[in-house]
Protein backbone atom coordinates (compact mmCIF):
# COMPACT_ATOMS: atom_id res chain seq x y z
CA UNK A 1 -4.81 13.19 37.27
CA UNK A 2 -3.63 9.58 37.18
CA UNK A 3 -1.53 8.52 34.21
CA UNK A 4 -3.13 5.52 32.55
CA UNK A 5 -1.01 5.05 29.42
CA UNK A 6 2.59 6.19 29.17
CA UNK A 7 4.58 6.01 25.94
CA UNK A 8 8.24 6.75 26.55
CA UNK A 9 10.72 7.66 23.82
CA UNK A 10 9.60 5.03 21.32
CA UNK A 11 11.08 4.70 17.85
CA UNK A 12 9.36 2.64 15.17
CA UNK A 13 10.73 1.59 11.79
CA UNK A 14 9.25 0.24 8.56
CA UNK A 15 12.36 -1.39 7.16
CA UNK A 16 14.72 1.53 6.56
CA UNK A 17 11.98 4.12 7.13
CA UNK A 18 12.12 5.73 10.56
CA UNK A 19 8.35 6.26 10.92
CA UNK A 20 8.10 7.37 14.58
CA UNK A 21 10.96 9.23 16.27
CA UNK A 22 11.56 9.55 20.02
CA UNK A 23 7.84 9.81 20.73
CA UNK A 24 6.51 10.26 24.26
CA UNK A 25 2.95 10.70 25.49
CA UNK A 26 0.96 10.34 28.70
CA UNK A 27 -2.78 9.69 28.59
CA UNK A 28 -4.62 10.26 31.86
CA UNK A 29 -7.70 8.54 33.22
CA UNK A 30 -10.85 9.88 31.56
CA UNK A 31 -8.93 11.90 29.00
CA UNK A 32 -9.54 12.42 25.28
CA UNK A 33 -6.24 12.89 23.44
CA UNK A 34 -5.84 13.71 19.75
CA UNK A 35 -2.81 13.04 17.56
CA UNK A 36 -3.03 15.34 14.55
CA UNK A 37 -0.99 15.02 11.37
CA UNK A 38 -1.01 14.70 7.61
CA UNK A 39 -0.71 11.49 5.61
CA UNK A 40 2.70 9.94 6.24
CA UNK A 41 3.21 11.70 9.58
CA UNK A 42 3.46 8.37 11.43
CA UNK A 43 0.05 8.43 13.15
CA UNK A 44 -1.14 4.95 12.15
CA UNK A 45 2.27 3.43 12.86
CA UNK A 46 2.15 4.98 16.32
CA UNK A 47 -1.30 3.51 17.01
CA UNK A 48 -0.24 0.05 15.88
CA UNK A 49 2.84 0.26 18.11
CA UNK A 50 0.68 1.08 21.13
CA UNK A 51 -1.80 -1.67 20.23
CA UNK A 52 0.99 -4.23 19.85
CA UNK A 53 0.73 -5.02 16.14
CA UNK A 54 3.99 -3.23 15.27
CA UNK A 55 6.92 -3.58 17.66
CA UNK A 56 8.92 -0.43 18.46
CA UNK A 57 12.63 -0.47 17.70
CA UNK A 58 13.30 1.17 21.05
CA UNK A 59 11.48 2.83 23.94
CA UNK A 60 8.89 1.53 26.39
CA UNK A 61 5.10 1.53 26.78
CA UNK A 62 3.40 1.36 30.18
CA UNK A 63 -0.23 0.75 31.10
CA UNK A 64 -1.18 1.64 34.70
CA UNK A 65 2.54 1.59 35.50
CA UNK A 66 3.16 -1.90 34.11
CA UNK A 67 5.55 -2.37 31.19
CA UNK A 68 3.59 -3.84 28.26
CA UNK A 69 6.21 -3.25 25.57
CA UNK A 70 6.83 -6.96 25.07
CA UNK A 71 3.18 -8.06 25.13
CA UNK A 72 1.66 -9.16 21.82
CA UNK A 73 -1.56 -7.55 20.61
CA UNK A 74 -3.91 -10.13 22.13
CA UNK A 75 -2.37 -9.76 25.57
CA UNK A 76 -2.68 -5.99 25.30
CA UNK A 77 -6.40 -6.37 24.66
CA UNK A 78 -6.59 -8.45 27.83
CA UNK A 79 -4.62 -5.74 29.65
CA UNK A 80 -7.09 -3.05 28.53
CA UNK A 81 -6.09 -1.61 25.13
CA UNK A 82 -8.40 -1.87 22.10
CA UNK A 83 -7.74 -0.50 18.59
CA UNK A 84 -10.25 0.66 16.00
CA UNK A 85 -7.97 0.28 12.97
CA UNK A 86 -7.77 2.51 9.94
CA UNK A 87 -10.12 1.17 7.28
CA UNK A 88 -12.25 -0.57 9.96
CA UNK A 89 -11.21 -4.11 8.87
CA UNK A 90 -14.56 -5.77 9.47
CA UNK A 91 -15.44 -9.30 8.39
CA UNK A 92 -17.52 -8.48 5.34
CA UNK A 93 -19.08 -11.95 5.10
CA UNK A 94 -20.46 -11.69 8.64
CA UNK A 95 -23.49 -9.82 9.94
CA UNK A 96 -23.38 -6.66 12.01
CA UNK A 97 -23.94 -8.59 15.24
CA UNK A 98 -21.42 -11.29 14.35
CA UNK A 99 -18.80 -8.60 13.75
CA UNK A 100 -19.57 -7.03 17.10
CA UNK A 101 -19.26 -10.35 18.89
CA UNK A 102 -15.73 -10.88 17.57
CA UNK A 103 -14.81 -8.16 20.05
CA UNK A 104 -15.73 -10.41 22.96
CA UNK A 105 -13.02 -12.98 22.20
CA UNK A 106 -10.73 -11.47 24.86
CA UNK A 107 -13.48 -9.66 26.75
CA UNK A 108 -12.71 -8.12 30.14
CA UNK A 109 -15.16 -7.32 32.90
CA UNK A 110 -16.87 -4.00 32.42
CA UNK A 111 -19.95 -2.05 31.43
CA UNK A 112 -19.92 -2.79 27.72
CA UNK A 113 -22.26 -5.53 26.51
CA UNK A 114 -24.12 -6.08 23.26
CA UNK A 115 -27.15 -4.29 24.70
CA UNK A 116 -24.98 -1.38 25.82
CA UNK A 117 -23.63 -1.03 22.27
CA UNK A 118 -27.20 -1.03 20.94
CA UNK A 119 -27.99 1.78 23.39
CA UNK A 120 -24.97 3.75 22.16
CA UNK A 121 -25.94 3.16 18.52
CA UNK A 122 -29.73 2.54 18.59
CA UNK A 123 -30.01 1.89 14.84
CA UNK A 124 -27.91 -1.27 15.18
CA UNK A 125 -30.49 -3.38 16.96
CA UNK A 126 -32.91 -3.60 14.05
CA UNK A 127 -30.06 -4.20 11.59
CA UNK A 128 -28.15 -6.70 13.71
CA UNK A 129 -28.64 -9.51 11.15
CA UNK A 130 -27.71 -7.37 8.14
CA UNK A 131 -24.44 -8.27 6.34
CA UNK A 132 -21.87 -5.67 7.29
CA UNK A 133 -20.89 -5.33 3.63
CA UNK A 134 -24.27 -3.72 2.99
CA UNK A 135 -23.80 -1.01 5.60
CA UNK A 136 -22.67 2.53 4.80
CA UNK A 137 -19.15 3.67 5.64
CA UNK A 138 -20.34 5.53 8.72
CA UNK A 139 -22.32 2.52 9.91
CA UNK A 140 -19.30 0.28 9.42
CA UNK A 141 -17.16 2.69 11.45
CA UNK A 142 -19.71 2.53 14.26
CA UNK A 143 -19.57 -1.28 14.16
CA UNK A 144 -15.77 -1.17 14.38
CA UNK A 145 -16.00 1.09 17.43
CA UNK A 146 -18.65 -1.14 19.02
CA UNK A 147 -16.50 -4.22 18.41
CA UNK A 148 -13.54 -2.58 20.19
CA UNK A 149 -15.69 -1.42 23.11
CA UNK A 150 -16.99 -4.94 23.69
CA UNK A 151 -13.56 -5.92 24.98
CA UNK A 152 -14.17 -3.36 27.77
CA UNK A 153 -10.92 -1.45 27.29
CA UNK A 154 -9.36 1.11 29.60
CA UNK A 155 -7.87 2.84 26.54
CA UNK A 156 -9.69 3.02 23.22
CA UNK A 157 -7.45 3.78 20.24
CA UNK A 158 -9.21 5.11 17.14
CA UNK A 159 -7.20 5.40 13.93
CA UNK A 160 -8.54 7.91 11.37
CA UNK A 161 -12.17 7.90 12.48
CA UNK A 162 -13.24 10.40 9.81
CA UNK A 163 -11.46 8.80 6.84
CA UNK A 164 -13.77 8.74 3.82
CA UNK A 165 -16.87 9.81 5.75
CA UNK A 166 -19.19 12.79 5.28
CA UNK A 167 -18.74 15.60 7.83
CA UNK A 168 -22.23 15.09 9.27
CA UNK A 169 -21.49 11.39 9.90
CA UNK A 170 -18.13 12.23 11.44
CA UNK A 171 -19.73 14.73 13.83
CA UNK A 172 -22.34 12.16 14.85
CA UNK A 173 -19.76 9.48 15.60
CA UNK A 174 -17.49 11.89 17.48
CA UNK A 175 -20.53 12.87 19.50
CA UNK A 176 -20.52 9.49 21.23
CA UNK A 177 -16.95 9.83 22.55
CA UNK A 178 -17.95 11.73 25.72
CA UNK A 179 -20.38 8.90 26.53
CA UNK A 180 -17.55 6.39 26.15
CA UNK A 181 -15.32 8.41 28.46
CA UNK A 182 -18.10 8.56 31.07
CA UNK A 183 -17.82 4.78 31.41
CA UNK A 184 -14.19 5.13 32.54
CA UNK A 185 -12.48 4.59 29.16
CA UNK A 186 -9.82 7.03 27.97
CA UNK A 187 -9.70 7.72 24.23
CA UNK A 188 -6.62 8.31 22.08
CA UNK A 189 -7.47 9.11 18.47
CA UNK A 190 -5.62 10.22 15.36
CA UNK A 191 -7.12 12.75 13.02
CA UNK A 192 -6.24 14.87 9.97
CA UNK A 193 -9.07 17.35 10.50
CA UNK A 194 -7.61 19.99 12.82
CA UNK A 195 -10.89 21.69 13.75
CA UNK A 196 -12.63 18.39 14.48
CA UNK A 197 -9.77 17.13 16.64
CA UNK A 198 -9.51 20.32 18.70
CA UNK A 199 -13.27 20.42 19.27
CA UNK A 200 -13.30 16.92 20.82
CA UNK A 201 -9.94 16.46 22.56
CA UNK A 202 -8.80 17.53 26.02
CA UNK A 203 -5.18 17.43 24.90
CA UNK A 204 -3.71 17.43 21.41
CA UNK A 205 -0.36 16.96 19.76
CA UNK A 206 0.81 17.34 16.20
CA UNK A 207 3.09 14.87 14.42
CA UNK A 208 5.39 15.81 11.56
CA UNK A 209 7.55 13.10 9.99
CA UNK A 210 7.22 10.97 13.11
CA UNK A 211 8.13 13.69 15.59
CA UNK A 212 5.98 15.68 18.00
CA UNK A 213 6.19 19.32 16.89
CA UNK A 214 3.39 20.82 18.98
CA UNK A 215 1.54 19.71 22.10
CA UNK A 216 -0.82 21.28 24.60
CA UNK A 217 -4.30 21.63 26.03
CA UNK A 218 -6.65 21.50 23.05
CA UNK A 219 -8.75 24.47 24.12
CA UNK A 220 -5.61 26.64 24.39
CA UNK A 221 -4.14 25.75 21.01
CA UNK A 222 -4.86 28.11 18.15
CA UNK A 223 -6.04 26.42 14.99
CA UNK A 224 -3.53 28.46 12.98
CA UNK A 225 -0.54 27.29 15.04
CA UNK A 226 -1.69 23.67 14.79
CA UNK A 227 -2.03 24.03 11.02
CA UNK A 228 1.45 25.58 10.85
CA UNK A 229 2.85 22.66 12.84
CA UNK A 230 0.86 20.24 10.66
CA UNK A 231 2.72 21.49 7.58
CA UNK A 232 6.05 22.16 9.30
CA UNK A 233 5.77 25.92 8.85
CA UNK A 234 5.97 27.44 12.32
CA UNK A 235 8.70 25.52 14.05
CA UNK A 236 10.87 24.17 11.29
CA UNK A 237 11.02 20.56 10.20
CA UNK A 238 11.66 18.38 13.23
CA UNK A 239 11.16 21.24 15.71
CA UNK A 240 8.97 21.07 18.79
CA UNK A 241 6.83 23.50 20.73
CA UNK A 242 4.89 22.92 23.92
CA UNK A 243 1.89 24.82 25.22
CA UNK A 244 1.42 23.96 28.88
CA UNK A 245 -1.06 25.61 31.22
CA UNK A 246 -0.46 26.16 34.92
CA UNK A 247 -2.70 23.17 35.61
CA UNK A 248 -0.21 20.94 33.84
CA UNK A 249 2.83 22.02 35.79
């Protein structure tokens, strides 16, 4: 498979806090990759570093082989990276459709249009004029995803998709990810729910205090070993374990 996004040995700090430590990751074309970890593991900081809103202290980030480490967030959108941020960060004074259209500011050529978003989320069309502040949390999350897709990214980053949402809503939103991937967009998402992440992802890794402590093919990872890594039980704090299949060698 072709490597689309390559993160190489990045370190990210919040002041004196070393939030992400020597992190590396490759995301291939058409791949769904999950980053699993508890609160404070460094997941959101990692996503912001990839999206360009938080500059790494060291390390490099490549997209299709080109070094984008020094590009600001807007240029990374133009290059093909879009972030659905934690908390959604919609414009509450604007309507559903107006929020979606903010995603076209740095729009690239591609399959995603307003009508395509309405096909992905059919309920949106009849509520397009509704103030986004009057939508439910799940509906707002869908709008945030639609806004990001309208830039026609090659890599869609989703930060804490399930945060504060009912399990049935989470399952429904995760259900659209395969349809996104079918359009040629790889998805990198962070998640606290181990079972949910493993059920959706092709590959998964677990972060503990900013370090990768477990990585492998999602279908081959046992939920118990991921949960042990999640809490730092199985491998010791700061340890690392890899589960690689023959197909990965």
